[in-house]
Amino acid sequence: MTIQKITPFLWYSAEAEEAAAFYVGIFPDSRVIRVTPVPSAGSTKLVEFVLFGQPFFAMSAERTESFNHSISLLVSCTDQAELDRYWDALLAGGGATDGCGWLRDRFGVSWQIVPADLIPMMADPDPVKATRVAQAMMRMTKFDVRALQAAYAGTAG
């Protein structure tokens, strides 16, 4: 695996290898590259993996801080079926939903599962359209692509 200039690095208490295998099972163009034990650091392991072609590193090592929403992984989805598939898969085994398209997987990592056109709709120079989308989004847990598009078009009922 080629190291990018910037590569996400996730620190898990003990389950980096399990988490990487979980994610690889969900997303296409994904694989675990290598698991490297670090004997000089007890049970620490480094895990190199790829999701959608994006390299990641993870580490299993004792830690005192847990994941929180200050960092999340955003998945841009082309349609409702793709959004539903990733939403359901990431919640499997003990994840929890949050508002506005956010969820936490069973490892505590925050994800945003969003329609690909959400950001362009919210960034529309027409403030009326952008506001309708933002208001619709704020009422949702998992995003409803058609409802967001209807809000944007002004046809929401």
N, C-alpha and C. Protein backbone atom coordinates (compact mmCIF):
# COMPACT_ATOMS: atom_id res chain seq x y z
N MET A 1 0.85 -1.18 0.00
CA MET A 1 0.00 0.00 0.00
C MET A 1 0.89 1.24 0.00
N THR A 2 0.61 2.17 -0.88
CA THR A 2 1.33 3.42 -0.93
C THR A 2 0.76 4.36 0.11
N ILE A 3 1.61 4.94 0.90
CA ILE A 3 1.16 5.88 1.91
C ILE A 3 0.87 7.22 1.22
N GLN A 4 -0.32 7.72 1.42
CA GLN A 4 -0.74 9.01 0.88
C GLN A 4 -0.12 10.13 1.71
N LYS A 5 -0.19 11.34 1.22
CA LYS A 5 0.24 12.49 2.01
C LYS A 5 -0.60 12.59 3.28
N ILE A 6 -1.90 12.34 3.15
CA ILE A 6 -2.79 12.32 4.31
C ILE A 6 -3.56 11.01 4.26
N THR A 7 -3.46 10.24 5.32
CA THR A 7 -4.15 8.96 5.42
C THR A 7 -4.88 8.91 6.76
N PRO A 8 -6.18 8.62 6.76
CA PRO A 8 -6.88 8.49 8.04
C PRO A 8 -6.25 7.39 8.90
N PHE A 9 -6.13 7.66 10.19
CA PHE A 9 -5.56 6.72 11.15
C PHE A 9 -6.54 6.61 12.32
N LEU A 10 -7.05 5.42 12.53
CA LEU A 10 -8.06 5.18 13.57
C LEU A 10 -7.45 4.35 14.69
N TRP A 11 -7.63 4.78 15.92
CA TRP A 11 -7.07 4.10 17.09
C TRP A 11 -8.19 3.44 17.87
N TYR A 12 -8.15 2.13 17.91
CA TYR A 12 -9.14 1.31 18.62
C TYR A 12 -8.52 0.75 19.89
N SER A 13 -9.34 0.50 20.89
CA SER A 13 -8.84 -0.09 22.13
C SER A 13 -8.24 -1.46 21.88
N ALA A 14 -8.97 -2.31 21.14
CA ALA A 14 -8.48 -3.67 20.93
C ALA A 14 -8.96 -4.27 19.63
N GLU A 15 -9.83 -3.59 18.91
CA GLU A 15 -10.52 -4.25 17.81
C GLU A 15 -10.23 -3.69 16.42
N ALA A 16 -9.05 -3.16 16.18
CA ALA A 16 -8.72 -2.59 14.87
C ALA A 16 -8.83 -3.63 13.75
N GLU A 17 -8.32 -4.81 13.99
CA GLU A 17 -8.37 -5.85 12.95
C GLU A 17 -9.81 -6.25 12.66
N GLU A 18 -10.62 -6.41 13.70
CA GLU A 18 -12.04 -6.75 13.53
C GLU A 18 -12.79 -5.63 12.81
N ALA A 19 -12.52 -4.39 13.17
CA ALA A 19 -13.18 -3.25 12.53
C ALA A 19 -12.81 -3.18 11.05
N ALA A 20 -11.54 -3.33 10.73
CA ALA A 20 -11.11 -3.29 9.32
C ALA A 20 -11.81 -4.38 8.52
N ALA A 21 -11.89 -5.58 9.06
CA ALA A 21 -12.58 -6.67 8.36
C ALA A 21 -14.06 -6.35 8.18
N PHE A 22 -14.68 -5.75 9.19
CA PHE A 22 -16.09 -5.34 9.12
C PHE A 22 -16.29 -4.34 7.98
N TYR A 23 -15.48 -3.29 7.92
CA TYR A 23 -15.62 -2.26 6.89
C TYR A 23 -15.35 -2.82 5.50
N VAL A 24 -14.33 -3.66 5.37
CA VAL A 24 -13.99 -4.26 4.08
C VAL A 24 -15.15 -5.11 3.56
N GLY A 25 -15.90 -5.72 4.45
CA GLY A 25 -17.06 -6.52 4.06
C GLY A 25 -18.23 -5.68 3.59
N ILE A 26 -18.20 -4.39 3.85
CA ILE A 26 -19.31 -3.50 3.49
C ILE A 26 -19.07 -2.77 2.17
N PHE A 27 -17.87 -2.25 1.97
CA PHE A 27 -17.61 -1.35 0.85
C PHE A 27 -16.85 -2.04 -0.28
N PRO A 28 -17.23 -1.74 -1.54
CA PRO A 28 -16.48 -2.29 -2.68
C PRO A 28 -15.09 -1.67 -2.77
N ASP A 29 -14.24 -2.30 -3.57
CA ASP A 29 -12.87 -1.84 -3.77
C ASP A 29 -12.18 -1.66 -2.43
N SER A 30 -12.35 -2.67 -1.55
CA SER A 30 -11.82 -2.60 -0.19
C SER A 30 -11.11 -3.91 0.15
N ARG A 31 -10.08 -3.79 0.99
CA ARG A 31 -9.35 -5.00 1.40
C ARG A 31 -8.43 -4.67 2.57
N VAL A 32 -8.14 -5.67 3.36
CA VAL A 32 -7.12 -5.55 4.39
C VAL A 32 -5.79 -5.85 3.71
N ILE A 33 -4.84 -4.98 3.87
CA ILE A 33 -3.53 -5.14 3.24
C ILE A 33 -2.59 -5.94 4.14
N ARG A 34 -2.53 -5.53 5.40
CA ARG A 34 -1.56 -6.16 6.29
C ARG A 34 -1.94 -5.88 7.74
N VAL A 35 -1.69 -6.87 8.59
CA VAL A 35 -1.81 -6.72 10.04
C VAL A 35 -0.42 -6.96 10.61
N THR A 36 0.09 -5.98 11.32
CA THR A 36 1.45 -6.06 11.84
C THR A 36 1.44 -6.00 13.36
N PRO A 37 1.75 -7.11 14.02
CA PRO A 37 1.89 -7.05 15.47
C PRO A 37 3.12 -6.20 15.84
N VAL A 38 3.02 -5.51 16.96
CA VAL A 38 4.14 -4.71 17.46
C VAL A 38 4.53 -5.29 18.82
N PRO A 39 5.33 -6.37 18.81
CA PRO A 39 5.65 -7.08 20.05
C PRO A 39 6.26 -6.20 21.13
N SER A 40 7.00 -5.18 20.74
CA SER A 40 7.62 -4.31 21.74
C SER A 40 6.60 -3.45 22.47
N ALA A 41 5.34 -3.43 21.97
CA ALA A 41 4.28 -2.62 22.60
C ALA A 41 3.12 -3.51 23.06
N GLY A 42 3.43 -4.68 23.59
CA GLY A 42 2.39 -5.57 24.12
C GLY A 42 1.51 -6.14 23.03
N SER A 43 0.21 -5.95 23.17
CA SER A 43 -0.74 -6.53 22.20
C SER A 43 -1.06 -5.58 21.05
N THR A 44 -0.31 -4.52 20.91
CA THR A 44 -0.55 -3.53 19.86
C THR A 44 -0.41 -4.16 18.48
N LYS A 45 -1.35 -3.79 17.60
CA LYS A 45 -1.30 -4.20 16.20
C LYS A 45 -1.55 -2.99 15.33
N LEU A 46 -0.88 -2.93 14.19
CA LEU A 46 -1.16 -1.94 13.16
C LEU A 46 -1.87 -2.66 12.02
N VAL A 47 -2.92 -2.05 11.53
CA VAL A 47 -3.71 -2.65 10.45
C VAL A 47 -3.76 -1.66 9.30
N GLU A 48 -3.33 -2.12 8.14
CA GLU A 48 -3.42 -1.32 6.92
C GLU A 48 -4.57 -1.87 6.09
N PHE A 49 -5.46 -0.99 5.67
CA PHE A 49 -6.59 -1.43 4.85
C PHE A 49 -7.02 -0.33 3.90
N VAL A 50 -7.85 -0.71 2.94
CA VAL A 50 -8.32 0.20 1.90
C VAL A 50 -9.84 0.11 1.85
N LEU A 51 -10.51 1.27 1.82
CA LEU A 51 -11.96 1.35 1.64
C LEU A 51 -12.23 2.22 0.43
N PHE A 52 -12.95 1.69 -0.56
CA PHE A 52 -13.23 2.45 -1.78
C PHE A 52 -11.95 2.98 -2.41
N GLY A 53 -10.85 2.26 -2.27
CA GLY A 53 -9.59 2.70 -2.83
C GLY A 53 -8.82 3.68 -1.95
N GLN A 54 -9.40 4.13 -0.84
CA GLN A 54 -8.76 5.08 0.08
C GLN A 54 -7.99 4.31 1.16
N PRO A 55 -6.68 4.53 1.26
CA PRO A 55 -5.91 3.86 2.30
C PRO A 55 -6.27 4.36 3.70
N PHE A 56 -6.25 3.44 4.65
CA PHE A 56 -6.46 3.74 6.07
C PHE A 56 -5.41 2.98 6.87
N PHE A 57 -5.09 3.51 8.02
CA PHE A 57 -4.34 2.78 9.03
C PHE A 57 -5.21 2.71 10.27
N ALA A 58 -5.06 1.64 11.01
CA ALA A 58 -5.72 1.51 12.30
C ALA A 58 -4.74 0.87 13.26
N MET A 59 -4.99 1.11 14.52
CA MET A 59 -4.14 0.54 15.55
C MET A 59 -5.01 0.02 16.68
N SER A 60 -4.66 -1.15 17.17
CA SER A 60 -5.24 -1.68 18.39
C SER A 60 -4.23 -1.46 19.49
N ALA A 61 -4.59 -0.67 20.47
CA ALA A 61 -3.71 -0.41 21.61
C ALA A 61 -4.56 0.21 22.71
N GLU A 62 -4.18 -0.02 23.92
CA GLU A 62 -4.92 0.56 25.03
C GLU A 62 -4.98 2.07 24.87
N ARG A 63 -6.14 2.63 25.13
CA ARG A 63 -6.31 4.08 25.02
C ARG A 63 -7.28 4.56 26.08
N THR A 64 -7.24 5.83 26.36
CA THR A 64 -8.14 6.40 27.36
C THR A 64 -9.25 7.22 26.73
N GLU A 65 -9.09 7.63 25.49
CA GLU A 65 -10.11 8.43 24.82
C GLU A 65 -10.87 7.55 23.84
N SER A 66 -12.14 7.88 23.65
CA SER A 66 -12.93 7.12 22.68
C SER A 66 -13.22 8.00 21.47
N PHE A 67 -13.72 7.38 20.43
CA PHE A 67 -14.11 8.13 19.24
C PHE A 67 -15.25 9.08 19.60
N ASN A 68 -15.34 10.19 18.89
CA ASN A 68 -16.48 11.09 19.05
C ASN A 68 -16.80 11.73 17.70
N HIS A 69 -17.83 12.58 17.69
CA HIS A 69 -18.29 13.16 16.42
C HIS A 69 -17.36 14.23 15.85
N SER A 70 -16.29 14.60 16.57
CA SER A 70 -15.43 15.63 15.99
C SER A 70 -14.76 15.18 14.72
N ILE A 71 -14.65 13.88 14.53
CA ILE A 71 -14.15 13.32 13.29
C ILE A 71 -15.15 12.26 12.84
N SER A 72 -15.53 12.31 11.57
CA SER A 72 -16.43 11.29 11.04
C SER A 72 -15.99 10.95 9.62
N LEU A 73 -16.49 9.82 9.14
CA LEU A 73 -16.22 9.40 7.78
C LEU A 73 -17.50 9.61 6.98
N LEU A 74 -17.41 10.39 5.92
CA LEU A 74 -18.57 10.73 5.10
C LEU A 74 -18.60 9.82 3.89
N VAL A 75 -19.75 9.17 3.68
CA VAL A 75 -19.93 8.29 2.52
C VAL A 75 -20.98 8.93 1.63
N SER A 76 -20.60 9.28 0.41
CA SER A 76 -21.48 9.91 -0.56
C SER A 76 -22.16 8.81 -1.39
N CYS A 77 -23.48 8.79 -1.38
CA CYS A 77 -24.25 7.71 -2.01
C CYS A 77 -25.00 8.21 -3.24
N THR A 78 -25.02 7.40 -4.29
CA THR A 78 -25.65 7.80 -5.55
C THR A 78 -27.16 7.70 -5.52
N ASP A 79 -27.73 6.85 -4.66
CA ASP A 79 -29.18 6.70 -4.62
C ASP A 79 -29.62 6.15 -3.26
N GLN A 80 -30.93 6.05 -3.09
CA GLN A 80 -31.46 5.59 -1.80
C GLN A 80 -31.06 4.16 -1.49
N ALA A 81 -31.01 3.31 -2.50
CA ALA A 81 -30.63 1.91 -2.26
C ALA A 81 -29.21 1.81 -1.71
N GLU A 82 -28.28 2.57 -2.29
CA GLU A 82 -26.91 2.55 -1.78
C GLU A 82 -26.86 3.12 -0.37
N LEU A 83 -27.55 4.22 -0.14
CA LEU A 83 -27.59 4.83 1.18
C LEU A 83 -28.14 3.84 2.21
N ASP A 84 -29.24 3.19 1.89
CA ASP A 84 -29.84 2.21 2.80
C ASP A 84 -28.88 1.05 3.09
N ARG A 85 -28.22 0.57 2.06
CA ARG A 85 -27.30 -0.56 2.21
C ARG A 85 -26.17 -0.24 3.19
N TYR A 86 -25.52 0.92 3.01
CA TYR A 86 -24.42 1.28 3.90
C TYR A 86 -24.92 1.62 5.30
N TRP A 87 -26.04 2.29 5.39
CA TRP A 87 -26.63 2.64 6.68
C TRP A 87 -26.88 1.37 7.50
N ASP A 88 -27.59 0.43 6.88
CA ASP A 88 -27.94 -0.81 7.59
C ASP A 88 -26.69 -1.63 7.94
N ALA A 89 -25.75 -1.71 7.02
CA ALA A 89 -24.55 -2.52 7.25
C ALA A 89 -23.71 -1.93 8.39
N LEU A 90 -23.55 -0.62 8.42
CA LEU A 90 -22.73 0.00 9.47
C LEU A 90 -23.41 -0.07 10.84
N LEU A 91 -24.72 -0.15 10.87
CA LEU A 91 -25.43 -0.28 12.15
C LEU A 91 -25.45 -1.72 12.67
N ALA A 92 -25.16 -2.68 11.81
CA ALA A 92 -25.22 -4.09 12.19
C ALA A 92 -24.31 -4.39 13.38
N GLY A 93 -24.82 -5.19 14.26
CA GLY A 93 -24.02 -5.66 15.39
C GLY A 93 -23.88 -4.69 16.53
N GLY A 94 -24.70 -3.65 16.57
CA GLY A 94 -24.67 -2.79 17.74
C GLY A 94 -24.38 -1.33 17.48
N GLY A 95 -24.53 -0.84 16.27
CA GLY A 95 -24.36 0.58 16.01
C GLY A 95 -25.55 1.37 16.55
N ALA A 96 -25.47 2.69 16.47
CA ALA A 96 -26.54 3.56 16.96
C ALA A 96 -26.73 4.73 16.00
N THR A 97 -27.97 5.13 15.83
CA THR A 97 -28.27 6.25 14.94
C THR A 97 -28.19 7.57 15.69
N ASP A 98 -27.87 8.60 14.94
CA ASP A 98 -27.90 9.98 15.41
C ASP A 98 -28.73 10.74 14.38
N GLY A 99 -28.86 12.02 14.53
CA GLY A 99 -29.64 12.81 13.58
C GLY A 99 -28.85 13.20 12.35
N CYS A 100 -29.58 13.66 11.36
CA CYS A 100 -29.01 14.27 10.15
C CYS A 100 -28.05 13.37 9.39
N GLY A 101 -28.37 12.09 9.27
CA GLY A 101 -27.56 11.18 8.47
C GLY A 101 -26.33 10.63 9.17
N TRP A 102 -26.20 10.86 10.47
CA TRP A 102 -25.05 10.38 11.23
C TRP A 102 -25.40 9.08 11.94
N LEU A 103 -24.38 8.25 12.09
CA LEU A 103 -24.51 7.04 12.91
C LEU A 103 -23.16 6.73 13.51
N ARG A 104 -23.17 5.90 14.52
CA ARG A 104 -21.94 5.36 15.09
C ARG A 104 -21.98 3.85 14.87
N ASP A 105 -20.89 3.31 14.36
CA ASP A 105 -20.85 1.86 14.20
C ASP A 105 -20.56 1.20 15.55
N ARG A 106 -20.55 -0.11 15.57
CA ARG A 106 -20.38 -0.83 16.84
C ARG A 106 -19.02 -0.61 17.48
N PHE A 107 -18.09 -0.02 16.75
CA PHE A 107 -16.76 0.28 17.29
C PHE A 107 -16.67 1.72 17.81
N GLY A 108 -17.75 2.49 17.61
CA GLY A 108 -17.78 3.87 18.09
C GLY A 108 -17.37 4.91 17.06
N VAL A 109 -17.05 4.49 15.83
CA VAL A 109 -16.64 5.43 14.79
C VAL A 109 -17.89 6.10 14.22
N SER A 110 -17.84 7.42 14.05
CA SER A 110 -18.95 8.19 13.49
C SER A 110 -18.88 8.21 11.97
N TRP A 111 -20.03 8.01 11.36
CA TRP A 111 -20.16 8.02 9.91
C TRP A 111 -21.29 8.96 9.53
N GLN A 112 -21.14 9.61 8.38
CA GLN A 112 -22.21 10.37 7.76
C GLN A 112 -22.53 9.67 6.44
N ILE A 113 -23.75 9.19 6.31
CA ILE A 113 -24.17 8.49 5.10
C ILE A 113 -25.13 9.44 4.38
N VAL A 114 -24.66 10.04 3.29
CA VAL A 114 -25.39 11.15 2.68
C VAL A 114 -25.60 10.95 1.18
N PRO A 115 -26.69 11.51 0.65
CA PRO A 115 -26.86 11.51 -0.80
C PRO A 115 -25.80 12.40 -1.45
N ALA A 116 -25.32 12.01 -2.61
CA ALA A 116 -24.27 12.76 -3.30
C ALA A 116 -24.69 14.19 -3.61
N ASP A 117 -25.98 14.43 -3.78
CA ASP A 117 -26.42 15.78 -4.13
C ASP A 117 -26.77 16.65 -2.92
N LEU A 118 -26.60 16.16 -1.71
CA LEU A 118 -26.97 16.93 -0.53
C LEU A 118 -26.15 18.22 -0.42
N ILE A 119 -24.85 18.13 -0.48
CA ILE A 119 -24.01 19.32 -0.31
C ILE A 119 -24.27 20.34 -1.43
N PRO A 120 -24.33 19.92 -2.70
CA PRO A 120 -24.66 20.91 -3.74
C PRO A 120 -26.03 21.57 -3.52
N MET A 121 -27.02 20.81 -3.06
CA MET A 121 -28.33 21.41 -2.80
C MET A 121 -28.24 22.43 -1.66
N MET A 122 -27.50 22.09 -0.60
CA MET A 122 -27.37 23.00 0.54
C MET A 122 -26.52 24.22 0.21
N ALA A 123 -25.67 24.09 -0.80
CA ALA A 123 -24.80 25.20 -1.20
C ALA A 123 -25.40 26.01 -2.35
N ASP A 124 -26.62 25.71 -2.72
CA ASP A 124 -27.26 26.42 -3.82
C ASP A 124 -27.28 27.92 -3.51
N PRO A 125 -26.99 28.76 -4.49
CA PRO A 125 -27.00 30.20 -4.25
C PRO A 125 -28.40 30.75 -3.94
N ASP A 126 -29.44 29.98 -4.26
CA ASP A 126 -30.81 30.40 -3.91
C ASP A 126 -31.05 30.03 -2.45
N PRO A 127 -31.10 31.02 -1.56
CA PRO A 127 -31.24 30.72 -0.13
C PRO A 127 -32.55 30.03 0.23
N VAL A 128 -33.58 30.20 -0.55
CA VAL A 128 -34.86 29.55 -0.27
C VAL A 128 -34.72 28.04 -0.48
N LYS A 129 -34.12 27.64 -1.59
CA LYS A 129 -33.90 26.22 -1.86
C LYS A 129 -32.99 25.60 -0.80
N ALA A 130 -31.88 26.26 -0.53
CA ALA A 130 -30.92 25.74 0.44
C ALA A 130 -31.55 25.61 1.82
N THR A 131 -32.36 26.58 2.21
CA THR A 131 -33.02 26.54 3.52
C THR A 131 -34.02 25.41 3.59
N ARG A 132 -34.78 25.19 2.53
CA ARG A 132 -35.75 24.07 2.53
C ARG A 132 -35.04 22.75 2.71
N VAL A 133 -33.93 22.57 2.03
CA VAL A 133 -33.16 21.32 2.16
C VAL A 133 -32.63 21.18 3.58
N ALA A 134 -32.05 22.24 4.11
CA ALA A 134 -31.51 22.19 5.48
C ALA A 134 -32.61 21.87 6.49
N GLN A 135 -33.76 22.47 6.34
CA GLN A 135 -34.87 22.21 7.27
C GLN A 135 -35.34 20.77 7.16
N ALA A 136 -35.44 20.25 5.95
CA ALA A 136 -35.84 18.85 5.76
C ALA A 136 -34.80 17.92 6.37
N MET A 137 -33.52 18.21 6.13
CA MET A 137 -32.44 17.40 6.65
C MET A 137 -32.48 17.34 8.18
N MET A 138 -32.75 18.45 8.82
CA MET A 138 -32.74 18.51 10.28
C MET A 138 -33.83 17.63 10.91
N ARG A 139 -34.84 17.28 10.16
CA ARG A 139 -35.92 16.42 10.69
C ARG A 139 -35.66 14.93 10.46
N MET A 140 -34.57 14.61 9.80
CA MET A 140 -34.31 13.21 9.43
C MET A 140 -33.23 12.58 10.32
N THR A 141 -33.37 11.28 10.51
CA THR A 141 -32.29 10.50 11.10
C THR A 141 -31.49 9.91 9.95
N LYS A 142 -32.08 8.94 9.24
CA LYS A 142 -31.49 8.44 8.00
C LYS A 142 -32.08 9.29 6.88
N PHE A 143 -31.24 9.68 5.93
CA PHE A 143 -31.72 10.55 4.86
C PHE A 143 -32.66 9.83 3.90
N ASP A 144 -33.69 10.56 3.50
CA ASP A 144 -34.64 10.14 2.49
C ASP A 144 -34.32 10.99 1.25
N VAL A 145 -33.71 10.37 0.26
CA VAL A 145 -33.21 11.10 -0.91
C VAL A 145 -34.36 11.82 -1.61
N ARG A 146 -35.46 11.14 -1.84
CA ARG A 146 -36.59 11.78 -2.55
C ARG A 146 -37.15 12.97 -1.76
N ALA A 147 -37.26 12.83 -0.45
CA ALA A 147 -37.79 13.93 0.37
C ALA A 147 -36.85 15.14 0.33
N LEU A 148 -35.54 14.90 0.33
CA LEU A 148 -34.60 16.02 0.22
C LEU A 148 -34.69 16.69 -1.15
N GLN A 149 -34.81 15.88 -2.20
CA GLN A 149 -34.94 16.44 -3.54
C GLN A 149 -36.25 17.20 -3.69
N ALA A 150 -37.32 16.70 -3.07
CA ALA A 150 -38.61 17.40 -3.12
C ALA A 150 -38.52 18.72 -2.36
N ALA A 151 -37.85 18.74 -1.24
CA ALA A 151 -37.66 19.99 -0.50
C ALA A 151 -36.89 20.99 -1.36
N TYR A 152 -35.86 20.54 -2.01
CA TYR A 152 -35.07 21.40 -2.89
C TYR A 152 -35.92 21.97 -4.02
N ALA A 153 -36.75 21.12 -4.61
CA ALA A 153 -37.59 21.55 -5.73
C ALA A 153 -38.80 22.36 -5.29
N GLY A 154 -39.08 22.34 -3.99
CA GLY A 154 -40.26 23.07 -3.49
C GLY A 154 -41.53 22.30 -3.66
N THR A 155 -41.42 20.97 -3.83
CA THR A 155 -42.62 20.14 -4.04
C THR A 155 -42.92 19.24 -2.84
N ALA A 156 -42.21 19.46 -1.74
CA ALA A 156 -42.45 18.63 -0.54
C ALA A 156 -43.82 18.95 0.02
N GLY A 157 -44.49 17.88 0.48
CA GLY A 157 -45.86 18.10 0.98
C GLY A 157 -45.98 18.16 2.43
